Amino acid sequence: MMFLEVGNLDGLIYLILAIMFGPAIFLAIIGFIVFKKHKKAAKILFILAAVYSIVSLGICGSMMA
């Protein structure tokens, strides 16, 4: 039986990390920008960022394990 040799997979790890934390950081930054004028909308964005982080850590974390 011959196994396939896979090259360097560092790019795949960086892609998974970008999917895990990219949108959550983006939502948090938008929340900080909007915070002065629309506090309720900013709170919703912070909650969305937290929920996305929890879900992505569960899904992507299980893929990385």
N, C-alpha and C. Protein backbone atom coordinates (compact mmCIF):
# COMPACT_ATOMS: atom_id res chain seq x y z
N MET A 1 0.84 -1.17 0.00
CA MET A 1 0.00 0.00 0.00
C MET A 1 0.89 1.24 0.00
N MET A 2 0.57 2.17 -0.87
CA MET A 2 1.37 3.37 -1.00
C MET A 2 0.59 4.57 -0.47
N PHE A 3 1.22 5.29 0.48
CA PHE A 3 0.58 6.46 1.05
C PHE A 3 0.91 7.69 0.22
N LEU A 4 -0.05 8.59 0.15
CA LEU A 4 0.18 9.84 -0.56
C LEU A 4 0.98 10.77 0.34
N GLU A 5 2.01 11.35 -0.20
CA GLU A 5 2.78 12.32 0.55
C GLU A 5 2.19 13.70 0.33
N VAL A 6 1.91 14.36 1.42
CA VAL A 6 1.34 15.69 1.35
C VAL A 6 2.44 16.68 1.70
N GLY A 7 2.49 17.78 0.97
CA GLY A 7 3.51 18.78 1.19
C GLY A 7 3.23 19.61 2.44
N ASN A 8 3.66 20.82 2.43
CA ASN A 8 3.51 21.73 3.54
C ASN A 8 2.06 22.21 3.63
N LEU A 9 1.43 22.00 4.78
CA LEU A 9 0.03 22.37 4.97
C LEU A 9 -0.13 23.59 5.87
N ASP A 10 0.89 24.43 5.98
CA ASP A 10 0.79 25.61 6.83
C ASP A 10 -0.28 26.57 6.31
N GLY A 11 -0.43 26.67 5.02
CA GLY A 11 -1.44 27.55 4.46
C GLY A 11 -2.84 27.14 4.84
N LEU A 12 -3.08 25.86 4.95
CA LEU A 12 -4.40 25.36 5.36
C LEU A 12 -4.70 25.73 6.80
N ILE A 13 -3.70 25.63 7.67
CA ILE A 13 -3.88 26.00 9.07
C ILE A 13 -4.20 27.49 9.18
N TYR A 14 -3.48 28.32 8.42
CA TYR A 14 -3.75 29.76 8.45
C TYR A 14 -5.13 30.08 7.91
N LEU A 15 -5.59 29.35 6.92
CA LEU A 15 -6.93 29.55 6.38
C LEU A 15 -7.99 29.20 7.42
N ILE A 16 -7.81 28.11 8.12
CA ILE A 16 -8.77 27.71 9.16
C ILE A 16 -8.78 28.74 10.28
N LEU A 17 -7.60 29.24 10.68
CA LEU A 17 -7.55 30.26 11.73
C LEU A 17 -8.21 31.56 11.26
N ALA A 18 -8.04 31.91 10.00
CA ALA A 18 -8.70 33.11 9.47
C ALA A 18 -10.22 32.96 9.46
N ILE A 19 -10.70 31.76 9.15
CA ILE A 19 -12.14 31.52 9.19
C ILE A 19 -12.65 31.52 10.63
N MET A 20 -11.82 31.05 11.56
CA MET A 20 -12.23 31.01 12.96
C MET A 20 -12.36 32.41 13.56
N PHE A 21 -11.36 33.24 13.35
CA PHE A 21 -11.31 34.51 14.07
C PHE A 21 -11.54 35.74 13.21
N GLY A 22 -11.46 35.64 11.90
CA GLY A 22 -11.60 36.80 11.03
C GLY A 22 -12.94 37.52 11.15
N PRO A 23 -14.06 36.84 10.92
CA PRO A 23 -15.35 37.54 11.01
C PRO A 23 -15.67 38.05 12.42
N ALA A 24 -15.25 37.35 13.44
CA ALA A 24 -15.52 37.81 14.81
C ALA A 24 -14.75 39.10 15.09
N ILE A 25 -13.50 39.17 14.67
CA ILE A 25 -12.71 40.38 14.86
C ILE A 25 -13.31 41.52 14.03
N PHE A 26 -13.73 41.21 12.82
CA PHE A 26 -14.35 42.21 11.94
C PHE A 26 -15.63 42.77 12.56
N LEU A 27 -16.47 41.91 13.12
CA LEU A 27 -17.70 42.37 13.77
C LEU A 27 -17.40 43.21 15.01
N ALA A 28 -16.38 42.83 15.77
CA ALA A 28 -16.01 43.60 16.96
C ALA A 28 -15.48 44.98 16.57
N ILE A 29 -14.69 45.06 15.52
CA ILE A 29 -14.18 46.36 15.07
C ILE A 29 -15.32 47.26 14.63
N ILE A 30 -16.27 46.71 13.88
CA ILE A 30 -17.43 47.50 13.47
C ILE A 30 -18.23 47.93 14.70
N GLY A 31 -18.33 47.06 15.69
CA GLY A 31 -19.03 47.42 16.93
C GLY A 31 -18.36 48.57 17.65
N PHE A 32 -17.03 48.59 17.70
CA PHE A 32 -16.34 49.71 18.33
C PHE A 32 -16.52 51.00 17.54
N ILE A 33 -16.58 50.91 16.23
CA ILE A 33 -16.78 52.11 15.40
C ILE A 33 -18.19 52.68 15.60
N VAL A 34 -19.19 51.81 15.70
CA VAL A 34 -20.58 52.23 15.79
C VAL A 34 -20.98 52.58 17.22
N PHE A 35 -20.16 52.24 18.20
CA PHE A 35 -20.53 52.32 19.62
C PHE A 35 -20.97 53.71 20.06
N LYS A 36 -20.33 54.76 19.58
CA LYS A 36 -20.66 56.11 20.06
C LYS A 36 -22.06 56.56 19.64
N LYS A 37 -22.44 56.25 18.42
CA LYS A 37 -23.73 56.75 17.93
C LYS A 37 -24.89 55.80 18.22
N HIS A 38 -24.66 54.51 18.04
CA HIS A 38 -25.73 53.52 18.19
C HIS A 38 -25.29 52.43 19.17
N LYS A 39 -25.54 52.66 20.43
CA LYS A 39 -25.07 51.72 21.45
C LYS A 39 -25.77 50.36 21.36
N LYS A 40 -27.05 50.37 21.05
CA LYS A 40 -27.79 49.10 20.97
C LYS A 40 -27.30 48.26 19.80
N ALA A 41 -27.05 48.89 18.66
CA ALA A 41 -26.53 48.16 17.50
C ALA A 41 -25.12 47.63 17.78
N ALA A 42 -24.32 48.40 18.51
CA ALA A 42 -22.98 47.95 18.85
C ALA A 42 -23.02 46.74 19.78
N LYS A 43 -23.93 46.75 20.73
CA LYS A 43 -24.08 45.60 21.63
C LYS A 43 -24.47 44.34 20.85
N ILE A 44 -25.35 44.50 19.88
CA ILE A 44 -25.75 43.36 19.06
C ILE A 44 -24.57 42.83 18.26
N LEU A 45 -23.74 43.73 17.73
CA LEU A 45 -22.56 43.30 16.99
C LEU A 45 -21.57 42.57 17.90
N PHE A 46 -21.42 43.05 19.13
CA PHE A 46 -20.53 42.36 20.08
C PHE A 46 -21.05 40.97 20.42
N ILE A 47 -22.36 40.86 20.58
CA ILE A 47 -22.96 39.55 20.87
C ILE A 47 -22.78 38.61 19.69
N LEU A 48 -22.98 39.12 18.47
CA LEU A 48 -22.76 38.30 17.29
C LEU A 48 -21.31 37.84 17.18
N ALA A 49 -20.39 38.72 17.50
CA ALA A 49 -18.97 38.35 17.47
C ALA A 49 -18.67 37.25 18.48
N ALA A 50 -19.24 37.36 19.67
CA ALA A 50 -19.02 36.33 20.70
C ALA A 50 -19.62 35.00 20.30
N VAL A 51 -20.84 35.03 19.78
CA VAL A 51 -21.49 33.79 19.36
C VAL A 51 -20.73 33.15 18.21
N TYR A 52 -20.28 33.97 17.25
CA TYR A 52 -19.51 33.43 16.12
C TYR A 52 -18.21 32.80 16.62
N SER A 53 -17.57 33.44 17.60
CA SER A 53 -16.33 32.87 18.14
C SER A 53 -16.58 31.52 18.79
N ILE A 54 -17.63 31.42 19.57
CA ILE A 54 -17.94 30.16 20.26
C ILE A 54 -18.25 29.06 19.25
N VAL A 55 -19.06 29.37 18.26
CA VAL A 55 -19.43 28.36 17.26
C VAL A 55 -18.23 27.96 16.41
N SER A 56 -17.45 28.94 15.99
CA SER A 56 -16.30 28.62 15.13
C SER A 56 -15.23 27.86 15.89
N LEU A 57 -15.04 28.15 17.16
CA LEU A 57 -14.09 27.36 17.94
C LEU A 57 -14.55 25.91 18.08
N GLY A 58 -15.85 25.71 18.14
CA GLY A 58 -16.37 24.35 18.22
C GLY A 58 -16.22 23.60 16.90
N ILE A 59 -16.57 24.22 15.80
CA ILE A 59 -16.54 23.56 14.50
C ILE A 59 -15.12 23.42 13.98
N CYS A 60 -14.40 24.55 13.91
CA CYS A 60 -13.04 24.50 13.38
C CYS A 60 -12.08 23.82 14.34
N GLY A 61 -12.35 23.95 15.64
CA GLY A 61 -11.52 23.27 16.61
C GLY A 61 -11.63 21.76 16.50
N SER A 62 -12.84 21.29 16.19
CA SER A 62 -13.00 19.85 16.02
C SER A 62 -12.34 19.37 14.73
N MET A 63 -12.27 20.23 13.71
CA MET A 63 -11.58 19.85 12.48
C MET A 63 -10.08 19.78 12.70
N MET A 64 -9.54 20.64 13.57
CA MET A 64 -8.11 20.69 13.79
C MET A 64 -7.63 19.58 14.74
N ALA A 65 -8.56 19.03 15.51
CA ALA A 65 -8.16 18.01 16.48
C ALA A 65 -7.96 16.65 15.84
